[in-house]
Amino acid sequence: MSAYDYEMIEGNFKFEIDVYYDSRRPDLDNSLKSTLDCLQKCNAIKNDNRCLEIIARKHLDKLNPRIEFDIIPL
């Protein structure tokens, strides 16, 4: 079974991401490139150069650091 079993987004898209860190130290922008690269590698998106808009938010959650995101086709 694949870890990602939704249809690949091949066209333009908007990317919304909430990054929950265990401290305030990390930079938010470092998570953007890494996450988009992973989404491309797992075939969720065809190419991250199709991202036309990014909304990114940084949060603090010491007990449950994570990344939550939405990919919205345009």
PDB file of N, CA and C in Angstrom:
ATOM      1  N   MET A   1       0.833  -1.176   0.000  1.00  0.00           N
ATOM      2  CA  MET A   1       0.000   0.000   0.000  1.00  0.00           C
ATOM      3  C   MET A   1       0.882   1.244   0.000  1.00  0.00           C
ATOM      4  N   SER A   2       0.494   2.205  -0.783  1.00  0.00           N
ATOM      5  CA  SER A   2       1.233   3.454  -0.895  1.00  0.00           C
ATOM      6  C   SER A   2       0.905   4.378   0.273  1.00  0.00           C
ATOM      7  N   ALA A   3       1.883   5.194   0.659  1.00  0.00           N
ATOM      8  CA  ALA A   3       1.653   6.165   1.723  1.00  0.00           C
ATOM      9  C   ALA A   3       0.762   7.301   1.229  1.00  0.00           C
ATOM     10  N   TYR A   4       0.733   7.520  -0.080  1.00  0.00           N
ATOM     11  CA  TYR A   4      -0.093   8.574  -0.673  1.00  0.00           C
ATOM     12  C   TYR A   4      -0.933   7.939  -1.759  1.00  0.00           C
ATOM     13  N   ASP A   5      -2.238   7.878  -1.579  1.00  0.00           N
ATOM     14  CA  ASP A   5      -3.071   7.244  -2.598  1.00  0.00           C
ATOM     15  C   ASP A   5      -4.215   8.164  -3.036  1.00  0.00           C
ATOM     16  N   TYR A   6      -3.848   9.399  -3.318  1.00  0.00           N
ATOM     17  CA  TYR A   6      -4.759  10.370  -3.915  1.00  0.00           C
ATOM     18  C   TYR A   6      -4.241  10.694  -5.306  1.00  0.00           C
ATOM     19  N   GLU A   7      -5.049  11.368  -6.095  1.00  0.00           N
ATOM     20  CA  GLU A   7      -4.643  11.736  -7.450  1.00  0.00           C
ATOM     21  C   GLU A   7      -3.565  12.812  -7.418  1.00  0.00           C
ATOM     22  N   MET A   8      -2.538  12.639  -8.229  1.00  0.00           N
ATOM     23  CA  MET A   8      -1.456  13.616  -8.318  1.00  0.00           C
ATOM     24  C   MET A   8      -1.996  14.939  -8.862  1.00  0.00           C
ATOM     25  N   ILE A   9      -1.581  16.033  -8.254  1.00  0.00           N
ATOM     26  CA  ILE A   9      -1.944  17.365  -8.752  1.00  0.00           C
ATOM     27  C   ILE A   9      -0.885  17.765  -9.764  1.00  0.00           C
ATOM     28  N   GLU A  10      -1.302  17.873 -11.019  1.00  0.00           N
ATOM     29  CA  GLU A  10      -0.363  18.173 -12.095  1.00  0.00           C
ATOM     30  C   GLU A  10      -0.340  19.646 -12.468  1.00  0.00           C
ATOM     31  N   GLY A  11      -1.408  20.369 -12.173  1.00  0.00           N
ATOM     32  CA  GLY A  11      -1.495  21.780 -12.557  1.00  0.00           C
ATOM     33  C   GLY A  11      -1.069  22.700 -11.430  1.00  0.00           C
ATOM     34  N   ASN A  12      -1.447  23.969 -11.589  1.00  0.00           N
ATOM     35  CA  ASN A  12      -1.126  24.975 -10.588  1.00  0.00           C
ATOM     36  C   ASN A  12      -1.886  24.712  -9.298  1.00  0.00           C
ATOM     37  N   PHE A  13      -1.267  25.098  -8.184  1.00  0.00           N
ATOM     38  CA  PHE A  13      -1.909  24.882  -6.892  1.00  0.00           C
ATOM     39  C   PHE A  13      -1.487  25.945  -5.885  1.00  0.00           C
ATOM     40  N   LYS A  14      -2.291  26.035  -4.842  1.00  0.00           N
ATOM     41  CA  LYS A  14      -2.023  26.877  -3.675  1.00  0.00           C
ATOM     42  C   LYS A  14      -1.642  25.926  -2.541  1.00  0.00           C
ATOM     43  N   PHE A  15      -0.679  26.316  -1.734  1.00  0.00           N
ATOM     44  CA  PHE A  15      -0.170  25.471  -0.661  1.00  0.00           C
ATOM     45  C   PHE A  15      -0.333  26.192   0.668  1.00  0.00           C
ATOM     46  N   GLU A  16      -1.076  25.570   1.585  1.00  0.00           N
ATOM     47  CA  GLU A  16      -1.240  26.113   2.932  1.00  0.00           C
ATOM     48  C   GLU A  16      -0.579  25.140   3.902  1.00  0.00           C
ATOM     49  N   ILE A  17       0.273  25.677   4.767  1.00  0.00           N
ATOM     50  CA  ILE A  17       1.034  24.817   5.670  1.00  0.00           C
ATOM     51  C   ILE A  17       1.069  25.422   7.071  1.00  0.00           C
ATOM     52  N   ASP A  18       0.846  24.566   8.044  1.00  0.00           N
ATOM     53  CA  ASP A  18       0.993  24.908   9.452  1.00  0.00           C
ATOM     54  C   ASP A  18       2.081  24.002  10.017  1.00  0.00           C
ATOM     55  N   VAL A  19       3.149  24.613  10.512  1.00  0.00           N
ATOM     56  CA  VAL A  19       4.266  23.852  11.049  1.00  0.00           C
ATOM     57  C   VAL A  19       4.284  24.050  12.568  1.00  0.00           C
ATOM     58  N   TYR A  20       4.182  22.948  13.285  1.00  0.00           N
ATOM     59  CA  TYR A  20       4.178  22.957  14.741  1.00  0.00           C
ATOM     60  C   TYR A  20       5.547  22.467  15.216  1.00  0.00           C
ATOM     61  N   TYR A  21       6.337  23.370  15.762  1.00  0.00           N
ATOM     62  CA  TYR A  21       7.677  23.057  16.246  1.00  0.00           C
ATOM     63  C   TYR A  21       7.646  22.787  17.750  1.00  0.00           C
ATOM     64  N   ASP A  22       8.679  22.105  18.224  1.00  0.00           N
ATOM     65  CA  ASP A  22       8.794  21.878  19.662  1.00  0.00           C
ATOM     66  C   ASP A  22       9.527  23.023  20.361  1.00  0.00           C
ATOM     67  N   SER A  23      10.036  23.986  19.574  1.00  0.00           N
ATOM     68  CA  SER A  23      10.639  25.203  20.130  1.00  0.00           C
ATOM     69  C   SER A  23      10.493  26.322  19.094  1.00  0.00           C
ATOM     70  N   ARG A  24      10.773  27.530  19.505  1.00  0.00           N
ATOM     71  CA  ARG A  24      10.659  28.672  18.588  1.00  0.00           C
ATOM     72  C   ARG A  24      11.911  28.845  17.722  1.00  0.00           C
ATOM     73  N   ARG A  25      12.904  28.056  17.946  1.00  0.00           N
ATOM     74  CA  ARG A  25      14.204  28.228  17.294  1.00  0.00           C
ATOM     75  C   ARG A  25      14.206  27.997  15.768  1.00  0.00           C
ATOM     76  N   PRO A  26      13.572  26.942  15.238  1.00  0.00           N
ATOM     77  CA  PRO A  26      13.671  26.685  13.789  1.00  0.00           C
ATOM     78  C   PRO A  26      13.024  27.789  12.948  1.00  0.00           C
ATOM     79  N   ASP A  27      13.559  27.943  11.740  1.00  0.00           N
ATOM     80  CA  ASP A  27      13.015  28.898  10.779  1.00  0.00           C
ATOM     81  C   ASP A  27      11.900  28.242   9.972  1.00  0.00           C
ATOM     82  N   LEU A  28      10.813  28.958   9.797  1.00  0.00           N
ATOM     83  CA  LEU A  28       9.662  28.448   9.056  1.00  0.00           C
ATOM     84  C   LEU A  28      10.009  28.152   7.602  1.00  0.00           C
ATOM     85  N   ASP A  29      10.792  29.021   6.972  1.00  0.00           N
ATOM     86  CA  ASP A  29      11.074  28.851   5.541  1.00  0.00           C
ATOM     87  C   ASP A  29      11.818  27.557   5.228  1.00  0.00           C
ATOM     88  N   ASN A  30      12.574  27.012   6.160  1.00  0.00           N
ATOM     89  CA  ASN A  30      13.268  25.750   5.908  1.00  0.00           C
ATOM     90  C   ASN A  30      12.287  24.587   5.722  1.00  0.00           C
ATOM     91  N   SER A  31      11.164  24.658   6.386  1.00  0.00           N
ATOM     92  CA  SER A  31      10.165  23.593   6.268  1.00  0.00           C
ATOM     93  C   SER A  31       9.430  23.630   4.932  1.00  0.00           C
ATOM     94  N   LEU A  32       9.333  24.788   4.327  1.00  0.00           N
ATOM     95  CA  LEU A  32       8.581  24.917   3.071  1.00  0.00           C
ATOM     96  C   LEU A  32       9.216  24.103   1.956  1.00  0.00           C
ATOM     97  N   LYS A  33      10.471  24.327   1.697  1.00  0.00           N
ATOM     98  CA  LYS A  33      11.159  23.636   0.601  1.00  0.00           C
ATOM     99  C   LYS A  33      11.196  22.128   0.839  1.00  0.00           C
ATOM    100  N   SER A  34      11.502  21.736   2.055  1.00  0.00           N
ATOM    101  CA  SER A  34      11.572  20.305   2.370  1.00  0.00           C
ATOM    102  C   SER A  34      10.234  19.613   2.154  1.00  0.00           C
ATOM    103  N   THR A  35       9.166  20.240   2.614  1.00  0.00           N
ATOM    104  CA  THR A  35       7.840  19.638   2.479  1.00  0.00           C
ATOM    105  C   THR A  35       7.417  19.553   1.025  1.00  0.00           C
ATOM    106  N   LEU A  36       7.628  20.620   0.263  1.00  0.00           N
ATOM    107  CA  LEU A  36       7.265  20.596  -1.158  1.00  0.00           C
ATOM    108  C   LEU A  36       8.087  19.552  -1.911  1.00  0.00           C
ATOM    109  N   ASP A  37       9.359  19.425  -1.598  1.00  0.00           N
ATOM    110  CA  ASP A  37      10.196  18.400  -2.236  1.00  0.00           C
ATOM    111  C   ASP A  37       9.687  16.998  -1.916  1.00  0.00           C
ATOM    112  N   CYS A  38       9.286  16.755  -0.687  1.00  0.00           N
ATOM    113  CA  CYS A  38       8.747  15.446  -0.302  1.00  0.00           C
ATOM    114  C   CYS A  38       7.431  15.151  -1.023  1.00  0.00           C
ATOM    115  N   LEU A  39       6.579  16.157  -1.148  1.00  0.00           N
ATOM    116  CA  LEU A  39       5.304  15.968  -1.852  1.00  0.00           C
ATOM    117  C   LEU A  39       5.530  15.637  -3.326  1.00  0.00           C
ATOM    118  N   GLN A  40       6.545  16.234  -3.908  1.00  0.00           N
ATOM    119  CA  GLN A  40       6.878  15.921  -5.295  1.00  0.00           C
ATOM    120  C   GLN A  40       7.439  14.503  -5.404  1.00  0.00           C
ATOM    121  N   LYS A  41       8.290  14.126  -4.475  1.00  0.00           N
ATOM    122  CA  LYS A  41       8.908  12.792  -4.516  1.00  0.00           C
ATOM    123  C   LYS A  41       7.887  11.670  -4.324  1.00  0.00           C
ATOM    124  N   CYS A  42       6.852  11.922  -3.517  1.00  0.00           N
ATOM    125  CA  CYS A  42       5.849  10.873  -3.284  1.00  0.00           C
ATOM    126  C   CYS A  42       4.691  10.966  -4.282  1.00  0.00           C
ATOM    127  N   ASN A  43       4.841  11.808  -5.308  1.00  0.00           N
ATOM    128  CA  ASN A  43       3.871  11.959  -6.398  1.00  0.00           C
ATOM    129  C   ASN A  43       2.536  12.565  -5.973  1.00  0.00           C
ATOM    130  N   ALA A  44       2.552  13.377  -4.927  1.00  0.00           N
ATOM    131  CA  ALA A  44       1.357  14.134  -4.562  1.00  0.00           C
ATOM    132  C   ALA A  44       1.181  15.312  -5.504  1.00  0.00           C
ATOM    133  N   ILE A  45       2.308  15.903  -5.905  1.00  0.00           N
ATOM    134  CA  ILE A  45       2.313  16.992  -6.888  1.00  0.00           C
ATOM    135  C   ILE A  45       3.298  16.639  -7.989  1.00  0.00           C
ATOM    136  N   LYS A  46       2.993  17.079  -9.193  1.00  0.00           N
ATOM    137  CA  LYS A  46       3.881  16.779 -10.328  1.00  0.00           C
ATOM    138  C   LYS A  46       5.193  17.550 -10.210  1.00  0.00           C
ATOM    139  N   ASN A  47       5.079  18.859  -9.907  1.00  0.00           N
ATOM    140  CA  ASN A  47       6.272  19.690  -9.816  1.00  0.00           C
ATOM    141  C   ASN A  47       5.988  20.848  -8.878  1.00  0.00           C
ATOM    142  N   ASP A  48       6.909  21.105  -7.956  1.00  0.00           N
ATOM    143  CA  ASP A  48       6.670  22.190  -7.006  1.00  0.00           C
ATOM    144  C   ASP A  48       6.773  23.572  -7.640  1.00  0.00           C
ATOM    145  N   ASN A  49       7.223  23.649  -8.890  1.00  0.00           N
ATOM    146  CA  ASN A  49       7.231  24.949  -9.565  1.00  0.00           C
ATOM    147  C   ASN A  49       5.828  25.373 -10.001  1.00  0.00           C
ATOM    148  N   ARG A  50       4.840  24.496  -9.822  1.00  0.00           N
ATOM    149  CA  ARG A  50       3.439  24.819 -10.109  1.00  0.00           C
ATOM    150  C   ARG A  50       2.745  25.497  -8.933  1.00  0.00           C
ATOM    151  N   CYS A  51       3.472  25.668  -7.828  1.00  0.00           N
ATOM    152  CA  CYS A  51       2.922  26.346  -6.651  1.00  0.00           C
ATOM    153  C   CYS A  51       2.893  27.849  -6.917  1.00  0.00           C
ATOM    154  N   LEU A  52       1.681  28.419  -6.932  1.00  0.00           N
ATOM    155  CA  LEU A  52       1.519  29.838  -7.224  1.00  0.00           C
ATOM    156  C   LEU A  52       1.313  30.684  -5.974  1.00  0.00           C
ATOM    157  N   GLU A  53       0.967  30.047  -4.877  1.00  0.00           N
ATOM    158  CA  GLU A  53       0.699  30.788  -3.645  1.00  0.00           C
ATOM    159  C   GLU A  53       1.009  29.903  -2.454  1.00  0.00           C
ATOM    160  N   ILE A  54       1.639  30.501  -1.443  1.00  0.00           N
ATOM    161  CA  ILE A  54       1.938  29.787  -0.205  1.00  0.00           C
ATOM    162  C   ILE A  54       1.442  30.616   0.973  1.00  0.00           C
ATOM    163  N   ILE A  55       0.712  29.946   1.852  1.00  0.00           N
ATOM    164  CA  ILE A  55       0.333  30.532   3.135  1.00  0.00           C
ATOM    165  C   ILE A  55       0.967  29.644   4.193  1.00  0.00           C
ATOM    166  N   ALA A  56       1.872  30.216   4.970  1.00  0.00           N
ATOM    167  CA  ALA A  56       2.620  29.435   5.955  1.00  0.00           C
ATOM    168  C   ALA A  56       2.465  30.049   7.338  1.00  0.00           C
ATOM    169  N   ARG A  57       2.255  29.177   8.310  1.00  0.00           N
ATOM    170  CA  ARG A  57       2.101  29.617   9.690  1.00  0.00           C
ATOM    171  C   ARG A  57       2.987  28.759  10.600  1.00  0.00           C
ATOM    172  N   LYS A  58       3.628  29.407  11.544  1.00  0.00           N
ATOM    173  CA  LYS A  58       4.498  28.734  12.511  1.00  0.00           C
ATOM    174  C   LYS A  58       3.783  28.684  13.860  1.00  0.00           C
ATOM    175  N   HIS A  59       3.810  27.513  14.489  1.00  0.00           N
ATOM    176  CA  HIS A  59       3.163  27.305  15.790  1.00  0.00           C
ATOM    177  C   HIS A  59       4.136  26.608  16.730  1.00  0.00           C
ATOM    178  N   LEU A  60       3.820  26.655  18.001  1.00  0.00           N
ATOM    179  CA  LEU A  60       4.611  25.965  19.012  1.00  0.00           C
ATOM    180  C   LEU A  60       3.757  24.870  19.654  1.00  0.00           C
ATOM    181  N   ASP A  61       4.249  23.638  19.611  1.00  0.00           N
ATOM    182  CA  ASP A  61       3.592  22.515  20.276  1.00  0.00           C
ATOM    183  C   ASP A  61       4.699  21.569  20.746  1.00  0.00           C
ATOM    184  N   LYS A  62       5.144  21.775  21.952  1.00  0.00           N
ATOM    185  CA  LYS A  62       6.275  21.002  22.489  1.00  0.00           C
ATOM    186  C   LYS A  62       5.988  19.516  22.586  1.00  0.00           C
ATOM    187  N   LEU A  63       4.735  19.150  22.763  1.00  0.00           N
ATOM    188  CA  LEU A  63       4.385  17.739  22.951  1.00  0.00           C
ATOM    189  C   LEU A  63       4.081  17.003  21.646  1.00  0.00           C
ATOM    190  N   ASN A  64       3.733  17.744  20.598  1.00  0.00           N
ATOM    191  CA  ASN A  64       3.332  17.084  19.357  1.00  0.00           C
ATOM    192  C   ASN A  64       3.769  17.894  18.131  1.00  0.00           C
ATOM    193  N   PRO A  65       5.088  18.007  17.887  1.00  0.00           N
ATOM    194  CA  PRO A  65       5.541  18.724  16.694  1.00  0.00           C
ATOM    195  C   PRO A  65       5.083  17.986  15.435  1.00  0.00           C
ATOM    196  N   ARG A  66       4.663  18.752  14.430  1.00  0.00           N
ATOM    197  CA  ARG A  66       4.119  18.132  13.221  1.00  0.00           C
ATOM    198  C   ARG A  66       3.979  19.170  12.123  1.00  0.00           C
ATOM    199  N   ILE A  67       3.612  18.692  10.948  1.00  0.00           N
ATOM    200  CA  ILE A  67       3.275  19.553   9.816  1.00  0.00           C
ATOM    201  C   ILE A  67       1.888  19.163   9.336  1.00  0.00           C
ATOM    202  N   GLU A  68       1.044  20.150   9.157  1.00  0.00           N
ATOM    203  CA  GLU A  68      -0.289  19.960   8.574  1.00  0.00           C
ATOM    204  C   GLU A  68      -0.362  20.849   7.344  1.00  0.00           C
ATOM    205  N   PHE A  69      -0.941  20.331   6.252  1.00  0.00           N
ATOM    206  CA  PHE A  69      -0.989  21.127   5.031  1.00  0.00           C
ATOM    207  C   PHE A  69      -2.194  20.802   4.191  1.00  0.00           C
ATOM    208  N   ASP A  70      -2.504  21.722   3.286  1.00  0.00           N
ATOM    209  CA  ASP A  70      -3.521  21.530   2.255  1.00  0.00           C
ATOM    210  C   ASP A  70      -2.910  21.915   0.921  1.00  0.00           C
ATOM    211  N   ILE A  71      -3.243  21.147  -0.094  1.00  0.00           N
ATOM    212  CA  ILE A  71      -2.859  21.465  -1.472  1.00  0.00           C
ATOM    213  C   ILE A  71      -4.162  21.746  -2.208  1.00  0.00           C
ATOM    214  N   ILE A  72      -4.321  22.965  -2.689  1.00  0.00           N
ATOM    215  CA  ILE A  72      -5.564  23.367  -3.331  1.00  0.00           C
ATOM    216  C   ILE A  72      -5.314  23.606  -4.813  1.00  0.00           C
ATOM    217  N   PRO A  73      -5.863  22.763  -5.682  1.00  0.00           N
ATOM    218  CA  PRO A  73      -5.689  22.984  -7.118  1.00  0.00           C
ATOM    219  C   PRO A  73      -6.320  24.323  -7.538  1.00  0.00           C
ATOM    220  N   LEU A  74      -5.684  25.014  -8.438  1.00  0.00           N
ATOM    221  CA  LEU A  74      -6.196  26.293  -8.940  1.00  0.00           C
ATOM    222  C   LEU A  74      -6.657  26.147 -10.378  1.00  0.00           C
TER     223      LEU A  74
END
